[in-house]
Amino acid sequence: MEKERRGAMRPLNNVQAGTLGGTLCSIWNSFDWSNMLHTALMAAIGAAVSYLVSRLLEGKRRRRRY
């Protein structure tokens, strides 16, 4: 007989699957997807600008040392 692994997931029963499905559907319906897309786009742009500025500042600091 094989031992159960610790932390192994067990299959969902019908009540758990129904509850999870209903919860996900209600959450899905409550999001304003246009705002979420705008927020994700702004986050990506902000991350890219932050990365580029840090690289530029690092380059200036290196040139100043030598």
PDB file of N, CA and C in Angstrom:
ATOM      1  N   MET A   1       0.831  -1.177   0.000  1.00  0.00           N
ATOM      2  CA  MET A   1       0.000   0.000   0.000  1.00  0.00           C
ATOM      3  C   MET A   1       0.879   1.245   0.000  1.00  0.00           C
ATOM      4  N   GLU A   2       0.592   2.182  -0.882  1.00  0.00           N
ATOM      5  CA  GLU A   2       1.397   3.385  -1.032  1.00  0.00           C
ATOM      6  C   GLU A   2       1.016   4.401   0.038  1.00  0.00           C
ATOM      7  N   LYS A   3       2.016   4.990   0.653  1.00  0.00           N
ATOM      8  CA  LYS A   3       1.752   6.012   1.659  1.00  0.00           C
ATOM      9  C   LYS A   3       1.252   7.282   0.999  1.00  0.00           C
ATOM     10  N   GLU A   4       0.349   7.990   1.699  1.00  0.00           N
ATOM     11  CA  GLU A   4      -0.097   9.287   1.193  1.00  0.00           C
ATOM     12  C   GLU A   4       1.007  10.287   1.419  1.00  0.00           C
ATOM     13  N   ARG A   5       1.281  11.070   0.387  1.00  0.00           N
ATOM     14  CA  ARG A   5       2.303  12.102   0.523  1.00  0.00           C
ATOM     15  C   ARG A   5       1.730  13.263   1.299  1.00  0.00           C
ATOM     16  N   ARG A   6       2.572  13.889   2.066  1.00  0.00           N
ATOM     17  CA  ARG A   6       2.145  15.069   2.807  1.00  0.00           C
ATOM     18  C   ARG A   6       1.884  16.204   1.847  1.00  0.00           C
ATOM     19  N   GLY A   7       0.783  16.899   2.012  1.00  0.00           N
ATOM     20  CA  GLY A   7       0.472  18.039   1.171  1.00  0.00           C
ATOM     21  C   GLY A   7      -0.088  17.668  -0.188  1.00  0.00           C
ATOM     22  N   ALA A   8      -0.328  16.387  -0.431  1.00  0.00           N
ATOM     23  CA  ALA A   8      -0.880  15.977  -1.722  1.00  0.00           C
ATOM     24  C   ALA A   8      -2.336  16.430  -1.802  1.00  0.00           C
ATOM     25  N   MET A   9      -2.712  16.946  -2.956  1.00  0.00           N
ATOM     26  CA  MET A   9      -4.086  17.414  -3.117  1.00  0.00           C
ATOM     27  C   MET A   9      -5.005  16.243  -3.400  1.00  0.00           C
ATOM     28  N   ARG A  10      -6.167  16.290  -2.799  1.00  0.00           N
ATOM     29  CA  ARG A  10      -7.154  15.245  -3.065  1.00  0.00           C
ATOM     30  C   ARG A  10      -8.215  15.811  -3.992  1.00  0.00           C
ATOM     31  N   PRO A  11      -8.892  14.996  -4.750  1.00  0.00           N
ATOM     32  CA  PRO A  11      -9.905  15.501  -5.680  1.00  0.00           C
ATOM     33  C   PRO A  11     -11.063  16.164  -4.931  1.00  0.00           C
ATOM     34  N   LEU A  12     -11.679  17.146  -5.574  1.00  0.00           N
ATOM     35  CA  LEU A  12     -12.813  17.846  -4.984  1.00  0.00           C
ATOM     36  C   LEU A  12     -14.071  16.990  -5.093  1.00  0.00           C
ATOM     37  N   ASN A  13     -14.902  17.042  -4.047  1.00  0.00           N
ATOM     38  CA  ASN A  13     -16.195  16.378  -4.172  1.00  0.00           C
ATOM     39  C   ASN A  13     -17.178  17.352  -4.813  1.00  0.00           C
ATOM     40  N   ASN A  14     -18.400  16.921  -5.070  1.00  0.00           N
ATOM     41  CA  ASN A  14     -19.376  17.737  -5.802  1.00  0.00           C
ATOM     42  C   ASN A  14     -19.700  19.048  -5.088  1.00  0.00           C
ATOM     43  N   VAL A  15     -19.835  19.014  -3.767  1.00  0.00           N
ATOM     44  CA  VAL A  15     -20.179  20.225  -3.026  1.00  0.00           C
ATOM     45  C   VAL A  15     -19.029  21.228  -3.105  1.00  0.00           C
ATOM     46  N   GLN A  16     -17.810  20.754  -2.929  1.00  0.00           N
ATOM     47  CA  GLN A  16     -16.650  21.647  -2.998  1.00  0.00           C
ATOM     48  C   GLN A  16     -16.492  22.222  -4.403  1.00  0.00           C
ATOM     49  N   ALA A  17     -16.669  21.415  -5.423  1.00  0.00           N
ATOM     50  CA  ALA A  17     -16.537  21.889  -6.802  1.00  0.00           C
ATOM     51  C   ALA A  17     -17.621  22.911  -7.115  1.00  0.00           C
ATOM     52  N   GLY A  18     -18.848  22.664  -6.661  1.00  0.00           N
ATOM     53  CA  GLY A  18     -19.933  23.613  -6.894  1.00  0.00           C
ATOM     54  C   GLY A  18     -19.709  24.928  -6.181  1.00  0.00           C
ATOM     55  N   THR A  19     -19.218  24.858  -4.953  1.00  0.00           N
ATOM     56  CA  THR A  19     -18.934  26.074  -4.188  1.00  0.00           C
ATOM     57  C   THR A  19     -17.816  26.870  -4.845  1.00  0.00           C
ATOM     58  N   LEU A  20     -16.767  26.196  -5.245  1.00  0.00           N
ATOM     59  CA  LEU A  20     -15.657  26.867  -5.914  1.00  0.00           C
ATOM     60  C   LEU A  20     -16.112  27.491  -7.234  1.00  0.00           C
ATOM     61  N   GLY A  21     -16.898  26.770  -8.002  1.00  0.00           N
ATOM     62  CA  GLY A  21     -17.398  27.299  -9.271  1.00  0.00           C
ATOM     63  C   GLY A  21     -18.279  28.521  -9.083  1.00  0.00           C
ATOM     64  N   GLY A  22     -19.165  28.483  -8.106  1.00  0.00           N
ATOM     65  CA  GLY A  22     -20.027  29.625  -7.831  1.00  0.00           C
ATOM     66  C   GLY A  22     -19.249  30.830  -7.359  1.00  0.00           C
ATOM     67  N   THR A  23     -18.257  30.599  -6.519  1.00  0.00           N
ATOM     68  CA  THR A  23     -17.420  31.695  -6.024  1.00  0.00           C
ATOM     69  C   THR A  23     -16.652  32.341  -7.169  1.00  0.00           C
ATOM     70  N   LEU A  24     -16.042  31.522  -8.011  1.00  0.00           N
ATOM     71  CA  LEU A  24     -15.290  32.061  -9.150  1.00  0.00           C
ATOM     72  C   LEU A  24     -16.189  32.826 -10.114  1.00  0.00           C
ATOM     73  N   CYS A  25     -17.395  32.330 -10.367  1.00  0.00           N
ATOM     74  CA  CYS A  25     -18.315  33.036 -11.265  1.00  0.00           C
ATOM     75  C   CYS A  25     -18.737  34.382 -10.690  1.00  0.00           C
ATOM     76  N   SER A  26     -18.973  34.441  -9.395  1.00  0.00           N
ATOM     77  CA  SER A  26     -19.382  35.723  -8.801  1.00  0.00           C
ATOM     78  C   SER A  26     -18.225  36.711  -8.783  1.00  0.00           C
ATOM     79  N   ILE A  27     -17.018  36.238  -8.544  1.00  0.00           N
ATOM     80  CA  ILE A  27     -15.849  37.125  -8.570  1.00  0.00           C
ATOM     81  C   ILE A  27     -15.601  37.602 -10.002  1.00  0.00           C
ATOM     82  N   TRP A  28     -15.693  36.703 -10.959  1.00  0.00           N
ATOM     83  CA  TRP A  28     -15.467  37.019 -12.375  1.00  0.00           C
ATOM     84  C   TRP A  28     -16.408  38.122 -12.824  1.00  0.00           C
ATOM     85  N   ASN A  29     -17.661  38.047 -12.398  1.00  0.00           N
ATOM     86  CA  ASN A  29     -18.674  39.013 -12.814  1.00  0.00           C
ATOM     87  C   ASN A  29     -18.479  40.373 -12.147  1.00  0.00           C
ATOM     88  N   SER A  30     -17.830  40.425 -11.009  1.00  0.00           N
ATOM     89  CA  SER A  30     -17.718  41.684 -10.277  1.00  0.00           C
ATOM     90  C   SER A  30     -16.554  42.559 -10.752  1.00  0.00           C
ATOM     91  N   PHE A  31     -15.643  42.025 -11.553  1.00  0.00           N
ATOM     92  CA  PHE A  31     -14.513  42.816 -12.018  1.00  0.00           C
ATOM     93  C   PHE A  31     -14.908  43.701 -13.189  1.00  0.00           C
ATOM     94  N   ASP A  32     -14.351  44.894 -13.206  1.00  0.00           N
ATOM     95  CA  ASP A  32     -14.485  45.781 -14.354  1.00  0.00           C
ATOM     96  C   ASP A  32     -13.231  45.550 -15.205  1.00  0.00           C
ATOM     97  N   TRP A  33     -13.372  44.747 -16.244  1.00  0.00           N
ATOM     98  CA  TRP A  33     -12.221  44.272 -16.999  1.00  0.00           C
ATOM     99  C   TRP A  33     -11.497  45.384 -17.744  1.00  0.00           C
ATOM    100  N   SER A  34     -12.198  46.451 -18.128  1.00  0.00           N
ATOM    101  CA  SER A  34     -11.513  47.538 -18.818  1.00  0.00           C
ATOM    102  C   SER A  34     -10.547  48.252 -17.876  1.00  0.00           C
ATOM    103  N   ASN A  35     -10.955  48.435 -16.621  1.00  0.00           N
ATOM    104  CA  ASN A  35     -10.054  49.041 -15.645  1.00  0.00           C
ATOM    105  C   ASN A  35      -8.873  48.131 -15.345  1.00  0.00           C
ATOM    106  N   MET A  36      -9.118  46.831 -15.304  1.00  0.00           N
ATOM    107  CA  MET A  36      -8.039  45.891 -15.016  1.00  0.00           C
ATOM    108  C   MET A  36      -7.010  45.889 -16.145  1.00  0.00           C
ATOM    109  N   LEU A  37      -7.474  45.966 -17.383  1.00  0.00           N
ATOM    110  CA  LEU A  37      -6.562  46.015 -18.527  1.00  0.00           C
ATOM    111  C   LEU A  37      -5.746  47.304 -18.489  1.00  0.00           C
ATOM    112  N   HIS A  38      -6.385  48.410 -18.184  1.00  0.00           N
ATOM    113  CA  HIS A  38      -5.693  49.693 -18.088  1.00  0.00           C
ATOM    114  C   HIS A  38      -4.651  49.654 -16.973  1.00  0.00           C
ATOM    115  N   THR A  39      -5.006  49.087 -15.834  1.00  0.00           N
ATOM    116  CA  THR A  39      -4.079  48.989 -14.707  1.00  0.00           C
ATOM    117  C   THR A  39      -2.878  48.116 -15.055  1.00  0.00           C
ATOM    118  N   ALA A  40      -3.122  46.980 -15.720  1.00  0.00           N
ATOM    119  CA  ALA A  40      -2.025  46.095 -16.116  1.00  0.00           C
ATOM    120  C   ALA A  40      -1.099  46.786 -17.110  1.00  0.00           C
ATOM    121  N   LEU A  41      -1.672  47.536 -18.042  1.00  0.00           N
ATOM    122  CA  LEU A  41      -0.870  48.257 -19.026  1.00  0.00           C
ATOM    123  C   LEU A  41      -0.018  49.330 -18.351  1.00  0.00           C
ATOM    124  N   MET A  42      -0.608  50.081 -17.435  1.00  0.00           N
ATOM    125  CA  MET A  42       0.138  51.119 -16.715  1.00  0.00           C
ATOM    126  C   MET A  42       1.242  50.516 -15.845  1.00  0.00           C
ATOM    127  N   ALA A  43       0.971  49.358 -15.242  1.00  0.00           N
ATOM    128  CA  ALA A  43       1.985  48.682 -14.435  1.00  0.00           C
ATOM    129  C   ALA A  43       3.157  48.236 -15.299  1.00  0.00           C
ATOM    130  N   ALA A  44       2.870  47.713 -16.479  1.00  0.00           N
ATOM    131  CA  ALA A  44       3.941  47.268 -17.389  1.00  0.00           C
ATOM    132  C   ALA A  44       4.769  48.454 -17.861  1.00  0.00           C
ATOM    133  N   ILE A  45       4.111  49.549 -18.205  1.00  0.00           N
ATOM    134  CA  ILE A  45       4.839  50.742 -18.636  1.00  0.00           C
ATOM    135  C   ILE A  45       5.688  51.290 -17.494  1.00  0.00           C
ATOM    136  N   GLY A  46       5.117  51.339 -16.297  1.00  0.00           N
ATOM    137  CA  GLY A  46       5.857  51.825 -15.132  1.00  0.00           C
ATOM    138  C   GLY A  46       7.076  50.968 -14.831  1.00  0.00           C
ATOM    139  N   ALA A  47       6.936  49.657 -14.939  1.00  0.00           N
ATOM    140  CA  ALA A  47       8.067  48.764 -14.693  1.00  0.00           C
ATOM    141  C   ALA A  47       9.162  48.964 -15.737  1.00  0.00           C
ATOM    142  N   ALA A  48       8.758  49.136 -16.989  1.00  0.00           N
ATOM    143  CA  ALA A  48       9.742  49.345 -18.058  1.00  0.00           C
ATOM    144  C   ALA A  48      10.486  50.665 -17.867  1.00  0.00           C
ATOM    145  N   VAL A  49       9.768  51.726 -17.533  1.00  0.00           N
ATOM    146  CA  VAL A  49      10.407  53.024 -17.316  1.00  0.00           C
ATOM    147  C   VAL A  49      11.350  52.957 -16.119  1.00  0.00           C
ATOM    148  N   SER A  50      10.914  52.321 -15.046  1.00  0.00           N
ATOM    149  CA  SER A  50      11.754  52.186 -13.860  1.00  0.00           C
ATOM    150  C   SER A  50      13.047  51.442 -14.184  1.00  0.00           C
ATOM    151  N   TYR A  51      12.934  50.360 -14.951  1.00  0.00           N
ATOM    152  CA  TYR A  51      14.108  49.582 -15.329  1.00  0.00           C
ATOM    153  C   TYR A  51      15.066  50.421 -16.178  1.00  0.00           C
ATOM    154  N   LEU A  52      14.516  51.120 -17.161  1.00  0.00           N
ATOM    155  CA  LEU A  52      15.366  51.923 -18.048  1.00  0.00           C
ATOM    156  C   LEU A  52      16.062  53.056 -17.288  1.00  0.00           C
ATOM    157  N   VAL A  53      15.356  53.729 -16.394  1.00  0.00           N
ATOM    158  CA  VAL A  53      15.961  54.814 -15.619  1.00  0.00           C
ATOM    159  C   VAL A  53      17.065  54.270 -14.720  1.00  0.00           C
ATOM    160  N   SER A  54      16.831  53.132 -14.090  1.00  0.00           N
ATOM    161  CA  SER A  54      17.881  52.565 -13.225  1.00  0.00           C
ATOM    162  C   SER A  54      19.113  52.180 -14.035  1.00  0.00           C
ATOM    163  N   ARG A  55      18.913  51.647 -15.250  1.00  0.00           N
ATOM    164  CA  ARG A  55      20.060  51.308 -16.099  1.00  0.00           C
ATOM    165  C   ARG A  55      20.815  52.564 -16.531  1.00  0.00           C
ATOM    166  N   LEU A  56      20.099  53.633 -16.879  1.00  0.00           N
ATOM    167  CA  LEU A  56      20.746  54.885 -17.273  1.00  0.00           C
ATOM    168  C   LEU A  56      21.540  55.479 -16.110  1.00  0.00           C
ATOM    169  N   LEU A  57      20.946  55.467 -14.925  1.00  0.00           N
ATOM    170  CA  LEU A  57      21.648  56.012 -13.764  1.00  0.00           C
ATOM    171  C   LEU A  57      22.875  55.175 -13.405  1.00  0.00           C
ATOM    172  N   GLU A  58      22.768  53.860 -13.569  1.00  0.00           N
ATOM    173  CA  GLU A  58      23.918  52.992 -13.311  1.00  0.00           C
ATOM    174  C   GLU A  58      25.048  53.305 -14.282  1.00  0.00           C
ATOM    175  N   GLY A  59      24.711  53.547 -15.536  1.00  0.00           N
ATOM    176  CA  GLY A  59      25.719  53.888 -16.546  1.00  0.00           C
ATOM    177  C   GLY A  59      26.388  55.211 -16.239  1.00  0.00           C
ATOM    178  N   LYS A  60      25.621  56.196 -15.798  1.00  0.00           N
ATOM    179  CA  LYS A  60      26.208  57.497 -15.438  1.00  0.00           C
ATOM    180  C   LYS A  60      27.131  57.358 -14.236  1.00  0.00           C
ATOM    181  N   ARG A  61      26.733  56.537 -13.263  1.00  0.00           N
ATOM    182  CA  ARG A  61      27.560  56.353 -12.074  1.00  0.00           C
ATOM    183  C   ARG A  61      28.883  55.686 -12.439  1.00  0.00           C
ATOM    184  N   ARG A  62      28.852  54.725 -13.349  1.00  0.00           N
ATOM    185  CA  ARG A  62      30.085  54.045 -13.774  1.00  0.00           C
ATOM    186  C   ARG A  62      31.033  55.005 -14.466  1.00  0.00           C
ATOM    187  N   ARG A  63      30.487  55.857 -15.335  1.00  0.00           N
ATOM    188  CA  ARG A  63      31.340  56.810 -16.054  1.00  0.00           C
ATOM    189  C   ARG A  63      31.946  57.825 -15.105  1.00  0.00           C
ATOM    190  N   ARG A  64      31.217  58.172 -14.067  1.00  0.00           N
ATOM    191  CA  ARG A  64      31.726  59.175 -13.119  1.00  0.00           C
ATOM    192  C   ARG A  64      32.903  58.631 -12.298  1.00  0.00           C
ATOM    193  N   ARG A  65      32.902  57.322 -11.994  1.00  0.00           N
ATOM    194  CA  ARG A  65      33.961  56.713 -11.178  1.00  0.00           C
ATOM    195  C   ARG A  65      35.310  56.742 -11.882  1.00  0.00           C
ATOM    196  N   TYR A  66      35.311  56.556 -13.187  1.00  0.00           N
ATOM    197  CA  TYR A  66      36.586  56.421 -13.916  1.00  0.00           C
ATOM    198  C   TYR A  66      37.069  57.722 -14.456  1.00  0.00           C
TER     199      TYR A  66
END
